[in-house]
Structure formats: structure tokens, C-alpha cells
């Protein structure tokens, strides 16, 4: 876990063990989130009525960390399955797709169409992938909320088995997704964060589940 080719918050590189878990093939979509809004009578996120963001198979955007947690709790109640947000370590494990030591799950080189920017087009689910774990859009698309509090120095003190982040903080970890960045593919080890109440147009999430 980690990299020496990015920011200081990605160091030191170290082996990390995570117990078995499942992760959604795709980020949660507008179609799925609409059902949650209707059944839970939950407030819709910003940008919900903007036509360019309303495509049913697009990742839902503008969800806060609290919205993502509420969605997972609702899905858990609805299905009886232990849905939750992934930890940061789980997300990096999943993003690598079984490949170790590479910047991206496919290697170290960016594809020729790597440029993006604030005016780029948000693609529907499944456009990037699948990786070695049959997961899609792990590096392209929206930033995805993780369960952990964020600490830029956490790697220096984190346990090497099932790290869950610091006990407190002011920002929550997000992983993956560079839709609105100049480079629209995020390295497997790249870390980002945001205050949990914020609702940005390039933030979404996908659900995880513990496996006994």
C-alpha cells in the first residue's frame, strides 16, 4: 500500500493485510440513488435536476459522506446484508485488481486519452475497466467516499492488518476518480479527502460488504 511517486501522504510504502470483503462493481448510480430517495424520503443532492447529470447509468454525484453512510444503512436494512463504505485500505486493494507495484492496475503508463479537465464529460458506469477483480471505474470517474477519517501522516502509525484510519479528524478519505482533473485517471495509491458534510459534483461512492 502506498507509493513513492506521489504525495508525501502516500508514504511509507508497506504491506497491508485486509480481511475478505466484497465491493460493488460500479459506483452507485442515479437510478439506484433515486430509489433510495423515494423509499427513504431522503433529500436529493445538489445538481440532481441538472439534465447533464441525470442519466440513470451515471454515477450519482453531490453526495456527502453522511449521505453515503445513510444509503449503505438503508441498503443494509432493505436486504439484510452488511453493506457499508469501504475502508481506504480496502479501496486501494480493490483498485489494484491483484497487481502490485504498478501505478495503475494496467501498469505505469497513462492511456493516450488521459486528458480531462473541468469541462470533460462524465462517463456512464463501466466505461473504464474491468480490472483484475472485475471492478469498473476504479481510477476514472468520481471520487469515492471511504469510511476512514483522513490524516496525511497516518501511514507512519497505521497497523498492517485491517487499518481503519485515525479515531478522529475533520475530513474523510476519498479514493479513485479524476473526472474533473487535468489527468482523468487516478493512481491506485493516490489519496484525497473532503469534509464529510461537503457535496461536490465530482464526489460519489460505492458500497462494500464484509465477508465472514
N, C-alpha and C. Protein backbone atom coordinates (compact mmCIF):
# COMPACT_ATOMS: atom_id res chain seq x y z
N UNK A 1 0.85 -1.18 0.00
CA UNK A 1 0.00 0.00 0.00
C UNK A 1 0.89 1.23 0.00
N UNK A 2 0.54 2.22 -0.84
CA UNK A 2 1.30 3.45 -0.90
C UNK A 2 2.15 3.55 -2.15
N UNK A 3 2.85 4.68 -2.28
CA UNK A 3 3.70 4.93 -3.45
C UNK A 3 4.76 5.96 -3.09
N UNK A 4 5.89 5.86 -3.76
CA UNK A 4 6.95 6.87 -3.63
C UNK A 4 6.89 7.88 -4.77
N UNK A 5 5.94 7.75 -5.65
CA UNK A 5 5.87 8.61 -6.83
C UNK A 5 4.77 9.66 -6.75
N UNK A 6 4.13 9.77 -5.61
CA UNK A 6 3.05 10.74 -5.46
C UNK A 6 3.34 11.72 -4.35
N UNK A 7 2.34 12.01 -3.56
CA UNK A 7 2.47 12.96 -2.45
C UNK A 7 3.07 12.28 -1.22
N UNK A 8 3.54 13.12 -0.30
CA UNK A 8 4.14 12.58 0.92
C UNK A 8 3.14 11.77 1.74
N UNK A 9 1.83 12.06 1.57
CA UNK A 9 0.83 11.34 2.35
C UNK A 9 0.65 9.89 1.89
N UNK A 10 1.35 9.48 0.83
CA UNK A 10 1.29 8.10 0.34
C UNK A 10 2.45 7.25 0.86
N UNK A 11 3.26 7.81 1.71
CA UNK A 11 4.42 7.10 2.24
C UNK A 11 4.28 6.91 3.74
N UNK A 12 4.98 5.89 4.29
CA UNK A 12 5.85 4.93 3.59
C UNK A 12 5.06 3.80 2.94
N UNK A 13 5.63 3.21 1.87
CA UNK A 13 5.05 2.01 1.28
C UNK A 13 5.19 0.86 2.28
N UNK A 14 4.15 0.06 2.42
CA UNK A 14 4.22 -1.05 3.37
C UNK A 14 3.21 -2.13 2.99
N UNK A 15 3.47 -3.37 3.40
CA UNK A 15 2.49 -4.44 3.17
C UNK A 15 1.32 -4.28 4.14
N UNK A 16 0.12 -4.47 3.63
CA UNK A 16 -1.09 -4.36 4.44
C UNK A 16 -1.99 -5.56 4.14
N UNK A 17 -2.54 -6.15 5.18
CA UNK A 17 -3.47 -7.26 5.03
C UNK A 17 -4.88 -6.76 5.33
N UNK A 18 -5.83 -7.10 4.44
CA UNK A 18 -7.24 -6.82 4.72
C UNK A 18 -8.01 -8.13 4.64
N UNK A 19 -8.94 -8.31 5.54
CA UNK A 19 -9.78 -9.50 5.52
C UNK A 19 -10.69 -9.47 4.29
N UNK A 20 -11.29 -10.62 3.98
CA UNK A 20 -12.13 -10.73 2.79
C UNK A 20 -13.29 -9.75 2.83
N UNK A 21 -13.55 -9.16 1.68
CA UNK A 21 -14.66 -8.21 1.56
C UNK A 21 -15.15 -8.21 0.12
N UNK A 22 -16.33 -7.69 -0.07
CA UNK A 22 -16.89 -7.51 -1.40
C UNK A 22 -17.04 -6.02 -1.67
N UNK A 23 -16.95 -5.65 -2.95
CA UNK A 23 -17.08 -4.25 -3.35
C UNK A 23 -17.94 -4.19 -4.60
N UNK A 24 -18.78 -3.17 -4.69
CA UNK A 24 -19.63 -3.01 -5.85
C UNK A 24 -18.83 -2.93 -7.14
N UNK A 25 -19.33 -3.55 -8.20
CA UNK A 25 -18.66 -3.49 -9.50
C UNK A 25 -18.54 -2.05 -9.99
N UNK A 26 -19.54 -1.24 -9.66
CA UNK A 26 -19.62 0.15 -10.13
C UNK A 26 -19.93 1.07 -8.95
N UNK A 27 -19.68 2.37 -9.12
CA UNK A 27 -20.21 3.32 -8.15
C UNK A 27 -21.73 3.30 -8.17
N UNK A 28 -22.36 3.72 -7.10
CA UNK A 28 -23.82 3.82 -7.04
C UNK A 28 -24.28 4.81 -8.11
N UNK A 29 -25.32 4.44 -8.84
CA UNK A 29 -25.79 5.23 -9.98
C UNK A 29 -26.99 6.11 -9.59
N UNK A 30 -27.31 7.03 -10.49
CA UNK A 30 -28.50 7.86 -10.30
C UNK A 30 -29.76 7.02 -10.17
N UNK A 31 -29.86 5.97 -10.97
CA UNK A 31 -31.03 5.10 -10.94
C UNK A 31 -31.19 4.45 -9.58
N UNK A 32 -30.10 3.97 -9.02
CA UNK A 32 -30.15 3.34 -7.71
C UNK A 32 -30.42 4.35 -6.61
N UNK A 33 -29.80 5.53 -6.73
CA UNK A 33 -29.97 6.55 -5.71
C UNK A 33 -31.38 7.11 -5.72
N UNK A 34 -32.02 7.16 -6.88
CA UNK A 34 -33.39 7.66 -6.99
C UNK A 34 -34.35 6.78 -6.18
N UNK A 35 -34.11 5.48 -6.20
CA UNK A 35 -34.93 4.56 -5.41
C UNK A 35 -34.75 4.83 -3.92
N UNK A 36 -33.53 5.07 -3.53
CA UNK A 36 -33.23 5.42 -2.13
C UNK A 36 -33.95 6.70 -1.72
N UNK A 37 -33.89 7.72 -2.56
CA UNK A 37 -34.56 8.99 -2.26
C UNK A 37 -36.06 8.78 -2.08
N UNK A 38 -36.63 7.97 -2.95
CA UNK A 38 -38.07 7.73 -2.91
C UNK A 38 -38.48 6.92 -1.69
N UNK A 39 -37.78 5.83 -1.44
CA UNK A 39 -38.17 4.93 -0.34
C UNK A 39 -37.82 5.50 1.02
N UNK A 40 -36.70 6.19 1.10
CA UNK A 40 -36.23 6.72 2.38
C UNK A 40 -36.73 8.14 2.63
N UNK A 41 -37.30 8.75 1.57
CA UNK A 41 -37.69 10.16 1.62
C UNK A 41 -36.49 11.03 2.01
N UNK A 42 -35.37 10.69 1.41
CA UNK A 42 -34.12 11.39 1.66
C UNK A 42 -34.01 12.58 0.71
N UNK A 43 -33.38 13.63 1.14
CA UNK A 43 -33.22 14.81 0.29
C UNK A 43 -32.31 14.49 -0.88
N UNK A 44 -32.60 15.07 -2.02
CA UNK A 44 -31.77 14.85 -3.21
C UNK A 44 -30.51 15.72 -3.13
N UNK A 45 -29.42 15.26 -3.73
CA UNK A 45 -28.18 16.03 -3.68
C UNK A 45 -28.22 17.23 -4.62
N UNK A 46 -27.30 18.18 -4.45
CA UNK A 46 -27.18 19.26 -5.43
C UNK A 46 -26.93 18.67 -6.82
N UNK A 47 -27.26 19.41 -7.82
CA UNK A 47 -27.08 19.01 -9.23
C UNK A 47 -28.09 17.95 -9.67
N UNK A 48 -28.99 17.53 -8.77
CA UNK A 48 -29.90 16.43 -9.07
C UNK A 48 -30.82 16.73 -10.26
N UNK A 49 -31.15 17.99 -10.44
CA UNK A 49 -32.08 18.36 -11.51
C UNK A 49 -31.38 18.89 -12.75
N UNK A 50 -30.04 18.86 -12.77
CA UNK A 50 -29.32 19.32 -13.95
C UNK A 50 -29.30 18.21 -14.99
N UNK A 51 -29.84 18.47 -16.18
CA UNK A 51 -30.00 17.40 -17.18
C UNK A 51 -28.72 16.63 -17.49
N UNK A 52 -27.58 17.32 -17.53
CA UNK A 52 -26.34 16.62 -17.91
C UNK A 52 -25.90 15.60 -16.86
N UNK A 53 -26.48 15.69 -15.65
CA UNK A 53 -26.12 14.75 -14.60
C UNK A 53 -27.23 13.75 -14.30
N UNK A 54 -28.29 13.74 -15.07
CA UNK A 54 -29.46 12.93 -14.74
C UNK A 54 -29.51 11.60 -15.47
N UNK A 55 -28.51 11.26 -16.25
CA UNK A 55 -28.52 9.98 -16.95
C UNK A 55 -28.56 8.85 -15.92
N UNK A 56 -29.53 7.94 -16.01
CA UNK A 56 -29.71 6.92 -14.97
C UNK A 56 -28.46 6.09 -14.68
N UNK A 57 -27.64 5.80 -15.70
CA UNK A 57 -26.47 4.96 -15.51
C UNK A 57 -25.21 5.74 -15.16
N UNK A 58 -25.34 7.05 -14.96
CA UNK A 58 -24.21 7.84 -14.46
C UNK A 58 -24.03 7.59 -12.97
N UNK A 59 -22.81 7.68 -12.47
CA UNK A 59 -22.62 7.68 -11.02
C UNK A 59 -23.35 8.86 -10.40
N UNK A 60 -24.01 8.63 -9.28
CA UNK A 60 -24.63 9.75 -8.59
C UNK A 60 -23.53 10.68 -8.08
N UNK A 61 -23.75 11.98 -8.16
CA UNK A 61 -22.77 12.95 -7.70
C UNK A 61 -23.41 13.89 -6.67
N UNK A 62 -22.56 14.59 -5.94
CA UNK A 62 -23.06 15.57 -4.98
C UNK A 62 -23.49 14.97 -3.66
N UNK A 63 -23.14 13.71 -3.42
CA UNK A 63 -23.49 13.10 -2.14
C UNK A 63 -22.42 13.41 -1.10
N UNK A 64 -22.85 13.78 0.07
CA UNK A 64 -21.92 13.96 1.18
C UNK A 64 -21.53 12.59 1.74
N UNK A 65 -20.54 12.57 2.61
CA UNK A 65 -20.17 11.33 3.29
C UNK A 65 -21.34 10.82 4.11
N UNK A 66 -22.05 11.73 4.75
CA UNK A 66 -23.21 11.34 5.55
C UNK A 66 -24.30 10.72 4.68
N UNK A 67 -24.51 11.27 3.48
CA UNK A 67 -25.47 10.68 2.55
C UNK A 67 -25.07 9.25 2.20
N UNK A 68 -23.78 9.05 1.93
CA UNK A 68 -23.29 7.72 1.56
C UNK A 68 -23.49 6.72 2.69
N UNK A 69 -23.23 7.15 3.92
CA UNK A 69 -23.43 6.27 5.07
C UNK A 69 -24.91 5.92 5.21
N UNK A 70 -25.78 6.92 5.05
CA UNK A 70 -27.22 6.68 5.17
C UNK A 70 -27.70 5.72 4.09
N UNK A 71 -27.17 5.85 2.88
CA UNK A 71 -27.53 4.93 1.79
C UNK A 71 -27.13 3.50 2.15
N UNK A 72 -25.91 3.32 2.62
CA UNK A 72 -25.45 1.98 2.98
C UNK A 72 -26.30 1.39 4.10
N UNK A 73 -26.66 2.21 5.08
CA UNK A 73 -27.51 1.73 6.18
C UNK A 73 -28.89 1.33 5.66
N UNK A 74 -29.43 2.12 4.74
CA UNK A 74 -30.72 1.80 4.13
C UNK A 74 -30.66 0.49 3.37
N UNK A 75 -29.61 0.31 2.59
CA UNK A 75 -29.45 -0.91 1.81
C UNK A 75 -29.27 -2.12 2.73
N UNK A 76 -28.57 -1.92 3.81
CA UNK A 76 -28.40 -2.98 4.80
C UNK A 76 -29.74 -3.38 5.40
N UNK A 77 -30.54 -2.39 5.75
CA UNK A 77 -31.87 -2.66 6.31
C UNK A 77 -32.78 -3.33 5.27
N UNK A 78 -32.69 -2.90 4.04
CA UNK A 78 -33.55 -3.40 2.97
C UNK A 78 -33.25 -4.84 2.62
N UNK A 79 -31.96 -5.20 2.61
CA UNK A 79 -31.55 -6.52 2.12
C UNK A 79 -31.14 -7.49 3.22
N UNK A 80 -30.84 -6.96 4.40
CA UNK A 80 -30.33 -7.80 5.47
C UNK A 80 -28.87 -8.16 5.32
N UNK A 81 -28.19 -7.51 4.38
CA UNK A 81 -26.77 -7.76 4.15
C UNK A 81 -25.94 -6.61 4.70
N UNK A 82 -24.72 -6.87 5.18
CA UNK A 82 -23.95 -5.84 5.91
C UNK A 82 -23.25 -4.82 5.01
N UNK A 83 -24.02 -4.06 4.26
CA UNK A 83 -23.43 -3.03 3.39
C UNK A 83 -22.84 -1.91 4.22
N UNK A 84 -21.76 -1.32 3.68
CA UNK A 84 -21.05 -0.21 4.33
C UNK A 84 -20.15 0.44 3.30
N UNK A 85 -19.47 1.50 3.70
CA UNK A 85 -18.44 2.08 2.85
C UNK A 85 -17.14 1.28 3.02
N UNK A 86 -16.32 1.21 1.97
CA UNK A 86 -15.02 0.53 2.12
C UNK A 86 -14.05 1.37 2.95
N UNK A 87 -13.12 0.71 3.57
CA UNK A 87 -12.02 1.44 4.18
C UNK A 87 -11.06 1.88 3.08
N UNK A 88 -10.18 2.80 3.43
CA UNK A 88 -9.19 3.27 2.46
C UNK A 88 -8.30 2.12 1.99
N UNK A 89 -7.89 1.26 2.91
CA UNK A 89 -7.05 0.12 2.53
C UNK A 89 -7.78 -0.83 1.60
N UNK A 90 -9.04 -1.08 1.88
CA UNK A 90 -9.83 -1.95 1.01
C UNK A 90 -9.96 -1.35 -0.38
N UNK A 91 -10.16 -0.05 -0.47
CA UNK A 91 -10.31 0.58 -1.77
C UNK A 91 -9.03 0.47 -2.59
N UNK A 92 -7.88 0.68 -1.95
CA UNK A 92 -6.63 0.55 -2.70
C UNK A 92 -6.40 -0.90 -3.13
N UNK A 93 -6.69 -1.84 -2.25
CA UNK A 93 -6.59 -3.24 -2.62
C UNK A 93 -7.45 -3.55 -3.84
N UNK A 94 -8.69 -3.07 -3.82
CA UNK A 94 -9.62 -3.32 -4.92
C UNK A 94 -9.17 -2.62 -6.20
N UNK A 95 -8.66 -1.39 -6.07
CA UNK A 95 -8.25 -0.62 -7.25
C UNK A 95 -7.09 -1.29 -7.97
N UNK A 96 -6.21 -1.94 -7.24
CA UNK A 96 -5.05 -2.58 -7.85
C UNK A 96 -5.43 -3.82 -8.65
N UNK A 97 -6.56 -4.41 -8.36
CA UNK A 97 -7.02 -5.54 -9.16
C UNK A 97 -6.08 -6.73 -9.15
N UNK A 98 -5.34 -6.89 -8.05
CA UNK A 98 -4.41 -8.01 -7.95
C UNK A 98 -3.01 -7.71 -8.46
N UNK A 99 -2.79 -6.49 -8.94
CA UNK A 99 -1.47 -6.09 -9.46
C UNK A 99 -0.75 -5.28 -8.40
N UNK A 100 0.45 -5.67 -8.05
CA UNK A 100 1.23 -4.95 -7.05
C UNK A 100 2.39 -4.21 -7.70
N UNK A 101 2.71 -3.05 -7.17
CA UNK A 101 3.89 -2.32 -7.61
C UNK A 101 3.70 -1.45 -8.82
N UNK A 102 2.51 -1.36 -9.36
CA UNK A 102 2.23 -0.51 -10.52
C UNK A 102 1.43 0.71 -10.09
N UNK A 103 1.57 1.78 -10.86
CA UNK A 103 0.81 2.99 -10.54
C UNK A 103 -0.68 2.81 -10.79
N UNK A 104 -0.99 2.07 -11.85
CA UNK A 104 -2.37 1.81 -12.22
C UNK A 104 -2.55 0.30 -12.32
N UNK A 105 -3.79 -0.16 -12.35
CA UNK A 105 -4.00 -1.61 -12.40
C UNK A 105 -3.50 -2.21 -13.70
N UNK A 106 -3.34 -1.37 -14.74
CA UNK A 106 -2.86 -1.87 -16.03
C UNK A 106 -1.36 -1.66 -16.24
N UNK A 107 -0.69 -0.98 -15.33
CA UNK A 107 0.74 -0.71 -15.47
C UNK A 107 1.09 0.68 -15.01
N UNK A 108 2.14 1.26 -15.59
CA UNK A 108 2.61 2.57 -15.15
C UNK A 108 2.37 3.70 -16.15
N UNK A 109 1.91 3.36 -17.35
CA UNK A 109 1.74 4.37 -18.39
C UNK A 109 0.27 4.77 -18.52
N UNK A 110 0.05 6.06 -18.72
CA UNK A 110 -1.31 6.55 -18.94
C UNK A 110 -1.76 6.25 -20.37
N UNK A 111 -3.05 6.00 -20.58
CA UNK A 111 -3.55 5.84 -21.95
C UNK A 111 -3.47 7.16 -22.70
N UNK A 112 -3.53 7.09 -24.01
CA UNK A 112 -3.38 8.30 -24.83
C UNK A 112 -4.50 9.31 -24.59
N UNK A 113 -5.66 8.85 -24.16
CA UNK A 113 -6.80 9.75 -23.94
C UNK A 113 -6.93 10.14 -22.47
N UNK A 114 -5.79 10.42 -21.83
CA UNK A 114 -5.80 10.63 -20.39
C UNK A 114 -6.19 12.04 -19.96
N UNK A 115 -6.24 12.99 -20.89
CA UNK A 115 -6.53 14.37 -20.50
C UNK A 115 -8.01 14.57 -20.23
N UNK A 116 -8.30 15.38 -19.21
CA UNK A 116 -9.68 15.70 -18.85
C UNK A 116 -9.83 17.18 -18.58
N UNK A 117 -10.28 17.50 -17.38
CA UNK A 117 -10.48 18.90 -17.02
C UNK A 117 -11.91 19.17 -16.60
N UNK A 118 -12.16 20.37 -16.14
CA UNK A 118 -13.46 20.70 -15.55
C UNK A 118 -14.61 20.61 -16.55
N UNK A 119 -14.30 20.72 -17.84
CA UNK A 119 -15.36 20.66 -18.85
C UNK A 119 -15.48 19.29 -19.50
N UNK A 120 -14.78 18.29 -18.97
CA UNK A 120 -14.86 16.97 -19.56
C UNK A 120 -16.21 16.33 -19.23
N UNK A 121 -16.51 15.27 -19.94
CA UNK A 121 -17.82 14.61 -19.86
C UNK A 121 -17.76 13.44 -18.89
N UNK A 122 -18.68 13.41 -17.94
CA UNK A 122 -18.76 12.29 -17.00
C UNK A 122 -19.33 11.08 -17.72
N UNK A 123 -18.58 10.00 -17.74
CA UNK A 123 -18.99 8.82 -18.48
C UNK A 123 -19.91 7.94 -17.65
N UNK A 124 -20.68 7.08 -18.32
CA UNK A 124 -21.56 6.17 -17.63
C UNK A 124 -20.75 5.06 -16.99
N UNK A 125 -21.40 4.30 -16.14
CA UNK A 125 -20.71 3.22 -15.43
C UNK A 125 -20.17 2.21 -16.44
N UNK A 126 -19.03 1.62 -16.11
CA UNK A 126 -18.48 0.55 -16.91
C UNK A 126 -17.58 0.97 -18.05
N UNK A 127 -17.34 2.27 -18.21
CA UNK A 127 -16.53 2.72 -19.34
C UNK A 127 -15.04 2.47 -19.12
N UNK A 128 -14.61 2.42 -17.88
CA UNK A 128 -13.21 2.09 -17.59
C UNK A 128 -13.16 0.79 -16.81
N UNK A 129 -12.45 -0.13 -17.27
CA UNK A 129 -12.38 -1.42 -16.59
C UNK A 129 -12.60 -2.50 -17.63
N UNK A 130 -12.75 -3.69 -17.16
CA UNK A 130 -12.70 -4.07 -15.77
C UNK A 130 -11.27 -4.38 -15.35
N UNK A 131 -10.97 -4.29 -14.07
CA UNK A 131 -9.64 -4.64 -13.62
C UNK A 131 -9.59 -6.12 -13.27
N UNK A 132 -8.51 -6.54 -12.64
CA UNK A 132 -8.33 -7.95 -12.36
C UNK A 132 -9.33 -8.53 -11.38
N UNK A 133 -10.05 -7.68 -10.66
CA UNK A 133 -11.09 -8.13 -9.76
C UNK A 133 -12.49 -7.92 -10.34
N UNK A 134 -12.55 -7.64 -11.64
CA UNK A 134 -13.84 -7.40 -12.32
C UNK A 134 -14.56 -6.17 -11.77
N UNK A 135 -13.80 -5.16 -11.40
CA UNK A 135 -14.35 -3.90 -10.92
C UNK A 135 -14.13 -2.82 -11.99
N UNK A 136 -15.10 -1.94 -12.13
CA UNK A 136 -15.07 -0.91 -13.17
C UNK A 136 -14.90 0.48 -12.56
N UNK A 137 -14.27 1.35 -13.33
CA UNK A 137 -14.18 2.77 -12.97
C UNK A 137 -13.51 3.01 -11.62
N UNK A 138 -12.47 2.26 -11.33
CA UNK A 138 -11.76 2.44 -10.07
C UNK A 138 -10.78 3.60 -10.12
N UNK A 139 -10.40 4.05 -11.31
CA UNK A 139 -9.48 5.19 -11.40
C UNK A 139 -10.06 6.34 -12.19
N UNK A 140 -11.10 6.09 -12.97
CA UNK A 140 -11.72 7.13 -13.78
C UNK A 140 -13.14 7.36 -13.29
N UNK A 141 -13.57 8.61 -13.22
CA UNK A 141 -14.93 8.91 -12.79
C UNK A 141 -14.92 9.76 -11.54
N UNK A 142 -15.81 9.43 -10.61
CA UNK A 142 -15.98 10.25 -9.41
C UNK A 142 -15.03 9.82 -8.30
N UNK A 143 -14.68 10.77 -7.44
CA UNK A 143 -14.04 10.41 -6.19
C UNK A 143 -15.04 9.61 -5.36
N UNK A 144 -14.57 8.61 -4.66
CA UNK A 144 -15.45 7.73 -3.90
C UNK A 144 -15.14 7.82 -2.41
N UNK A 145 -16.17 8.16 -1.65
CA UNK A 145 -16.02 8.25 -0.20
C UNK A 145 -15.58 6.91 0.39
N UNK A 146 -14.69 6.98 1.39
CA UNK A 146 -14.30 5.82 2.19
C UNK A 146 -14.73 6.05 3.63
N UNK A 147 -14.67 5.01 4.43
CA UNK A 147 -15.14 5.09 5.80
C UNK A 147 -14.22 5.91 6.70
N UNK A 148 -12.93 5.97 6.39
CA UNK A 148 -11.91 6.47 7.31
C UNK A 148 -11.91 7.99 7.46
N UNK A 149 -11.54 8.43 8.66
CA UNK A 149 -11.06 9.80 8.81
C UNK A 149 -9.72 9.93 8.10
N UNK A 150 -9.40 11.12 7.66
CA UNK A 150 -8.16 11.36 6.92
C UNK A 150 -7.10 11.98 7.82
N UNK A 151 -5.89 11.47 7.69
CA UNK A 151 -4.71 12.04 8.34
C UNK A 151 -3.55 11.88 7.36
N UNK A 152 -2.90 12.97 6.95
CA UNK A 152 -1.83 12.86 5.96
C UNK A 152 -0.64 12.05 6.44
N UNK A 153 -0.49 11.86 7.75
CA UNK A 153 0.65 11.12 8.28
C UNK A 153 0.24 9.74 8.82
N UNK A 154 -0.97 9.32 8.54
CA UNK A 154 -1.49 8.09 9.14
C UNK A 154 -0.65 6.86 8.78
N UNK A 155 -0.07 6.82 7.60
CA UNK A 155 0.69 5.65 7.19
C UNK A 155 1.89 5.36 8.09
N UNK A 156 2.38 6.37 8.77
CA UNK A 156 3.55 6.17 9.64
C UNK A 156 3.20 5.44 10.93
N UNK A 157 1.90 5.38 11.27
CA UNK A 157 1.49 4.76 12.53
C UNK A 157 0.42 3.69 12.35
N UNK A 158 -0.07 3.52 11.13
CA UNK A 158 -1.22 2.62 10.93
C UNK A 158 -0.82 1.17 11.13
N UNK A 159 -1.73 0.33 11.62
CA UNK A 159 -1.45 -1.10 11.73
C UNK A 159 -1.35 -1.73 10.34
N UNK A 160 -0.70 -2.87 10.24
CA UNK A 160 -0.55 -3.52 8.94
C UNK A 160 -1.64 -4.55 8.67
N UNK A 161 -2.60 -4.64 9.55
CA UNK A 161 -3.75 -5.52 9.33
C UNK A 161 -5.05 -4.74 9.54
N UNK A 162 -5.87 -4.69 8.53
CA UNK A 162 -7.18 -4.04 8.57
C UNK A 162 -7.14 -2.62 9.15
N UNK A 163 -6.28 -1.75 8.61
CA UNK A 163 -6.27 -0.36 9.11
C UNK A 163 -7.60 0.32 8.81
N UNK A 164 -8.07 1.09 9.77
CA UNK A 164 -9.37 1.75 9.64
C UNK A 164 -9.29 3.27 9.78
N UNK A 165 -8.06 3.79 9.74
CA UNK A 165 -7.90 5.23 9.83
C UNK A 165 -7.85 5.71 11.28
N UNK A 166 -7.54 6.99 11.47
CA UNK A 166 -7.46 7.55 12.82
C UNK A 166 -8.83 7.60 13.48
N UNK A 167 -8.84 7.83 14.77
CA UNK A 167 -10.10 7.84 15.53
C UNK A 167 -10.90 9.12 15.35
N UNK A 168 -10.26 10.15 14.87
CA UNK A 168 -10.97 11.43 14.71
C UNK A 168 -10.30 12.23 13.60
N UNK A 169 -10.95 13.29 13.19
CA UNK A 169 -10.40 14.14 12.15
C UNK A 169 -11.43 15.18 11.72
N UNK A 170 -11.11 15.92 10.70
CA UNK A 170 -12.03 16.92 10.16
C UNK A 170 -12.43 16.62 8.72
N UNK A 171 -11.74 15.66 8.10
CA UNK A 171 -12.01 15.29 6.72
C UNK A 171 -12.07 13.77 6.61
N UNK A 172 -12.87 13.30 5.64
CA UNK A 172 -12.96 11.87 5.37
C UNK A 172 -12.19 11.54 4.10
N UNK A 173 -11.66 10.34 4.05
CA UNK A 173 -10.87 9.90 2.90
C UNK A 173 -11.77 9.68 1.69
N UNK A 174 -11.25 10.02 0.52
CA UNK A 174 -11.87 9.63 -0.75
C UNK A 174 -10.78 9.01 -1.62
N UNK A 175 -11.19 8.07 -2.47
CA UNK A 175 -10.24 7.38 -3.33
C UNK A 175 -10.78 7.30 -4.75
N UNK A 176 -9.83 7.17 -5.69
CA UNK A 176 -10.21 6.99 -7.09
C UNK A 176 -10.82 8.24 -7.70
N UNK A 177 -11.04 8.19 -9.00
CA UNK A 177 -11.80 9.22 -9.67
C UNK A 177 -11.04 10.51 -9.91
N UNK A 178 -10.88 10.87 -11.16
CA UNK A 178 -10.25 12.14 -11.52
C UNK A 178 -11.02 12.83 -12.63
N UNK A 179 -12.31 12.60 -12.65
CA UNK A 179 -13.13 13.10 -13.75
C UNK A 179 -12.87 14.56 -14.09
N UNK A 180 -12.79 15.43 -13.10
CA UNK A 180 -12.65 16.86 -13.35
C UNK A 180 -11.21 17.35 -13.23
N UNK A 181 -10.26 16.43 -13.09
CA UNK A 181 -8.85 16.80 -13.02
C UNK A 181 -8.25 16.84 -14.42
N UNK A 182 -7.09 17.46 -14.53
CA UNK A 182 -6.40 17.51 -15.81
C UNK A 182 -6.07 16.11 -16.31
N UNK A 183 -5.60 15.27 -15.38
CA UNK A 183 -5.38 13.85 -15.69
C UNK A 183 -6.58 13.09 -15.13
N UNK A 184 -7.35 12.48 -15.99
CA UNK A 184 -8.63 11.91 -15.55
C UNK A 184 -8.52 10.47 -15.06
N UNK A 185 -7.33 9.99 -14.83
CA UNK A 185 -7.11 8.68 -14.23
C UNK A 185 -6.32 8.86 -12.94
N UNK A 186 -6.78 8.27 -11.88
CA UNK A 186 -6.13 8.37 -10.58
C UNK A 186 -5.27 7.14 -10.31
N UNK A 187 -4.05 7.36 -9.83
CA UNK A 187 -3.19 6.25 -9.45
C UNK A 187 -3.83 5.45 -8.30
N UNK A 188 -3.51 4.18 -8.23
CA UNK A 188 -4.10 3.31 -7.20
C UNK A 188 -3.81 3.81 -5.79
N UNK A 189 -2.65 4.42 -5.58
CA UNK A 189 -2.24 4.84 -4.24
C UNK A 189 -2.63 6.27 -3.90
N UNK A 190 -3.17 7.02 -4.86
CA UNK A 190 -3.45 8.44 -4.63
C UNK A 190 -4.55 8.63 -3.59
N UNK A 191 -4.33 9.57 -2.68
CA UNK A 191 -5.28 9.85 -1.60
C UNK A 191 -5.88 11.23 -1.79
N UNK A 192 -7.15 11.36 -1.47
CA UNK A 192 -7.80 12.67 -1.41
C UNK A 192 -8.72 12.67 -0.20
N UNK A 193 -9.26 13.84 0.12
CA UNK A 193 -10.11 13.94 1.31
C UNK A 193 -11.01 15.16 1.19
N UNK A 194 -12.06 15.16 1.98
CA UNK A 194 -13.02 16.25 1.98
C UNK A 194 -13.79 16.22 3.29
N UNK A 195 -14.23 17.39 3.74
CA UNK A 195 -15.06 17.45 4.94
C UNK A 195 -16.34 16.64 4.69
N UNK A 196 -16.78 15.85 5.65
CA UNK A 196 -17.87 14.90 5.40
C UNK A 196 -19.21 15.51 5.05
N UNK A 197 -19.40 16.77 5.37
CA UNK A 197 -20.68 17.42 5.04
C UNK A 197 -20.70 18.04 3.64
N UNK A 198 -19.54 18.10 2.99
CA UNK A 198 -19.45 18.75 1.68
C UNK A 198 -20.13 17.91 0.60
N UNK A 199 -20.65 18.60 -0.41
CA UNK A 199 -21.33 17.94 -1.53
C UNK A 199 -20.79 18.53 -2.83
N UNK A 200 -19.83 17.85 -3.43
CA UNK A 200 -19.17 18.33 -4.63
C UNK A 200 -19.62 17.52 -5.84
N UNK A 201 -19.50 18.14 -7.01
CA UNK A 201 -20.00 17.49 -8.23
C UNK A 201 -19.10 16.40 -8.75
N UNK A 202 -17.97 16.16 -8.13
CA UNK A 202 -17.12 15.04 -8.56
C UNK A 202 -16.95 14.00 -7.45
N UNK A 203 -17.88 13.98 -6.50
CA UNK A 203 -17.84 13.01 -5.41
C UNK A 203 -19.05 12.09 -5.45
N UNK A 204 -18.80 10.79 -5.35
CA UNK A 204 -19.83 9.78 -5.25
C UNK A 204 -19.35 8.68 -4.31
N UNK A 205 -19.83 7.47 -4.52
CA UNK A 205 -19.40 6.36 -3.64
C UNK A 205 -19.83 5.04 -4.23
N UNK A 206 -19.22 3.97 -3.71
CA UNK A 206 -19.70 2.62 -3.99
C UNK A 206 -19.73 1.86 -2.67
N UNK A 207 -20.53 0.81 -2.63
CA UNK A 207 -20.75 0.08 -1.39
C UNK A 207 -19.81 -1.12 -1.27
N UNK A 208 -19.48 -1.41 -0.04
CA UNK A 208 -18.68 -2.59 0.29
C UNK A 208 -19.48 -3.48 1.22
N UNK A 209 -18.93 -4.67 1.50
CA UNK A 209 -19.58 -5.61 2.40
C UNK A 209 -18.53 -6.54 2.98
N UNK A 210 -18.59 -6.73 4.28
CA UNK A 210 -17.69 -7.69 4.92
C UNK A 210 -18.14 -9.11 4.58
N UNK A 211 -17.17 -10.02 4.45
CA UNK A 211 -17.45 -11.43 4.19
C UNK A 211 -16.84 -12.24 5.31
N UNK A 212 -17.65 -12.97 6.03
CA UNK A 212 -17.16 -13.75 7.16
C UNK A 212 -16.39 -14.98 6.66
